[in-house]
Amino acid sequence: QVQLVESGGGLVQAGGSLRLSCAASGRISSSYAMGWFRQTPGKEREFLAVIMWSGGGTYYADSVKGRFTISRDNGKNTVSLQMTSLKPEDTAIYSCAVGRWPSPSPGRYDYWGQGTQVTVSS
């Protein structure tokens, strides 16, 4: 079992930045992939970025490439998502997830956090 808790969400003006954190606990395999997703009402969950827990390899969705940066701190068992140049359309609930494969598909992830709200005002 793996438990994930997100933090760092909030209200920010367009053009601003936020840093989200995902604290992981439980049985975390070095081969796991840690992903960030977001979701707005009535829409499917959208993949944002993924990082390998061991090697640090990363992959980003085109919609956030160059604006968002995913990183990990194995010593603290956390994965972060640094978000810059935020836009109103980035408003969503952001969630982290753990899976065995670095996939953009939400179905490939086994454990999810409860999510944190990010609101970007214009």
Protein backbone atom coordinates (compact mmCIF):
# COMPACT_ATOMS: atom_id res chain seq x y z
CA GLN A 1 0.00 0.00 0.00
CA VAL A 2 1.11 3.53 -0.80
CA GLN A 3 -0.39 6.69 0.63
CA LEU A 4 -0.11 10.02 -1.15
CA VAL A 5 -0.91 13.47 0.19
CA GLU A 6 -0.77 16.58 -1.96
CA SER A 7 -0.21 20.11 -0.72
CA GLY A 8 0.60 23.55 -2.07
CA GLY A 9 -2.54 24.37 -3.98
CA GLY A 10 -4.27 27.71 -3.72
CA LEU A 11 -5.30 30.88 -5.50
CA VAL A 12 -2.81 32.66 -7.76
CA GLN A 13 -3.02 35.38 -10.38
CA ALA A 14 -2.38 34.64 -14.02
CA GLY A 15 1.33 34.68 -14.74
CA GLY A 16 2.16 33.57 -11.22
CA SER A 17 3.73 30.41 -9.88
CA LEU A 18 2.87 27.62 -7.48
CA ARG A 19 4.74 24.61 -6.21
CA LEU A 20 2.78 21.48 -5.45
CA SER A 21 4.16 18.68 -3.30
CA CYS A 22 3.17 15.06 -3.00
CA ALA A 23 4.27 13.24 0.13
CA ALA A 24 4.46 9.49 -0.29
CA SER A 25 4.46 6.86 2.42
CA GLY A 26 4.21 3.10 2.53
CA ARG A 27 5.83 0.54 0.23
CA ILE A 28 7.47 2.63 -2.45
CA SER A 29 9.42 0.60 -4.95
CA SER A 30 12.44 2.18 -6.61
CA SER A 31 10.91 1.17 -9.95
CA TYR A 32 7.74 3.18 -9.43
CA ALA A 33 6.68 6.08 -11.59
CA MET A 34 5.20 9.18 -9.96
CA GLY A 35 2.79 11.20 -12.02
CA TRP A 36 0.84 14.43 -11.77
CA PHE A 37 -2.63 14.82 -13.25
CA ARG A 38 -5.37 17.41 -13.13
CA GLN A 39 -9.10 17.37 -13.57
CA THR A 40 -11.89 19.89 -13.99
CA PRO A 41 -15.62 19.16 -13.62
CA GLY A 42 -17.05 17.28 -16.57
CA LYS A 43 -13.68 16.52 -18.09
CA GLU A 44 -11.42 13.51 -18.06
CA ARG A 45 -8.31 13.44 -15.95
CA GLU A 46 -5.43 15.07 -17.82
CA PHE A 47 -1.85 13.85 -17.65
CA LEU A 48 0.74 16.52 -16.87
CA ALA A 49 4.10 14.96 -16.03
CA VAL A 50 5.76 11.81 -14.75
CA ILE A 51 9.09 11.01 -13.13
CA MET A 52 10.77 7.74 -12.31
CA TRP A 53 11.32 7.32 -8.59
CA SER A 54 14.78 5.84 -9.08
CA GLY A 55 16.40 7.34 -12.12
CA GLY A 56 14.62 10.66 -12.35
CA GLY A 57 13.67 10.35 -16.02
CA THR A 58 10.85 12.76 -16.83
CA TYR A 59 8.13 13.15 -19.44
CA TYR A 60 5.71 16.04 -19.91
CA ALA A 61 2.45 16.69 -21.66
CA ASP A 62 2.81 19.21 -24.47
CA SER A 63 0.32 21.50 -22.74
CA VAL A 64 2.68 22.12 -19.82
CA LYS A 65 6.12 21.53 -21.32
CA GLY A 66 8.36 24.49 -20.57
CA ARG A 67 6.06 25.81 -17.82
CA PHE A 68 5.86 22.92 -15.35
CA THR A 69 8.78 21.01 -13.84
CA ILE A 70 8.48 17.72 -11.98
CA SER A 71 11.14 16.71 -9.48
CA ARG A 72 11.63 14.25 -6.65
CA ASP A 73 13.36 14.16 -3.31
CA ASN A 74 13.89 10.53 -2.41
CA GLY A 75 15.22 11.43 1.01
CA LYS A 76 11.94 13.13 1.88
CA ASN A 77 9.76 10.77 -0.18
CA THR A 78 8.23 13.69 -2.02
CA VAL A 79 7.54 14.58 -5.62
CA SER A 80 6.98 18.19 -6.55
CA LEU A 81 5.44 20.04 -9.45
CA GLN A 82 6.76 23.55 -9.99
CA MET A 83 4.25 25.50 -12.06
CA THR A 84 5.10 28.82 -13.68
CA SER A 85 3.38 31.22 -16.07
CA LEU A 86 0.04 29.97 -14.84
CA LYS A 87 -3.07 30.61 -16.90
CA PRO A 88 -6.75 30.63 -15.93
CA GLU A 89 -7.17 27.41 -17.91
CA ASP A 90 -4.75 25.73 -15.50
CA THR A 91 -7.47 25.92 -12.84
CA ALA A 92 -8.21 22.37 -11.72
CA ILE A 93 -7.81 19.80 -8.98
CA TYR A 94 -4.25 18.49 -9.16
CA SER A 95 -3.47 14.95 -8.04
CA CYS A 96 -0.37 12.84 -7.80
CA ALA A 97 -0.32 9.13 -8.49
CA VAL A 98 1.97 6.12 -8.29
CA GLY A 99 2.20 3.39 -10.88
CA ARG A 100 4.51 0.73 -12.18
CA TRP A 101 4.91 2.37 -15.60
CA PRO A 102 5.63 5.96 -16.64
CA SER A 103 2.43 6.25 -18.62
CA PRO A 104 0.21 9.24 -19.53
CA SER A 105 -2.82 7.00 -18.97
CA PRO A 106 -4.50 7.42 -15.57
CA GLY A 107 -5.53 3.77 -15.68
CA ARG A 108 -1.89 2.72 -15.36
CA TYR A 109 -1.60 4.21 -11.87
CA ASP A 110 -2.44 2.21 -8.78
CA TYR A 111 -2.50 4.79 -6.00
CA TRP A 112 -3.84 8.33 -5.93
CA GLY A 113 -3.80 11.26 -3.57
CA GLN A 114 -6.93 13.18 -2.66
CA GLY A 115 -5.99 16.16 -4.80
CA THR A 116 -5.36 19.85 -4.19
CA GLN A 117 -7.24 22.74 -5.75
CA VAL A 118 -5.39 25.24 -7.92
CA THR A 119 -7.26 28.34 -9.00
CA VAL A 120 -5.73 30.86 -11.39
CA SER A 121 -7.48 34.21 -11.60
CA SER A 122 -7.36 36.42 -14.67
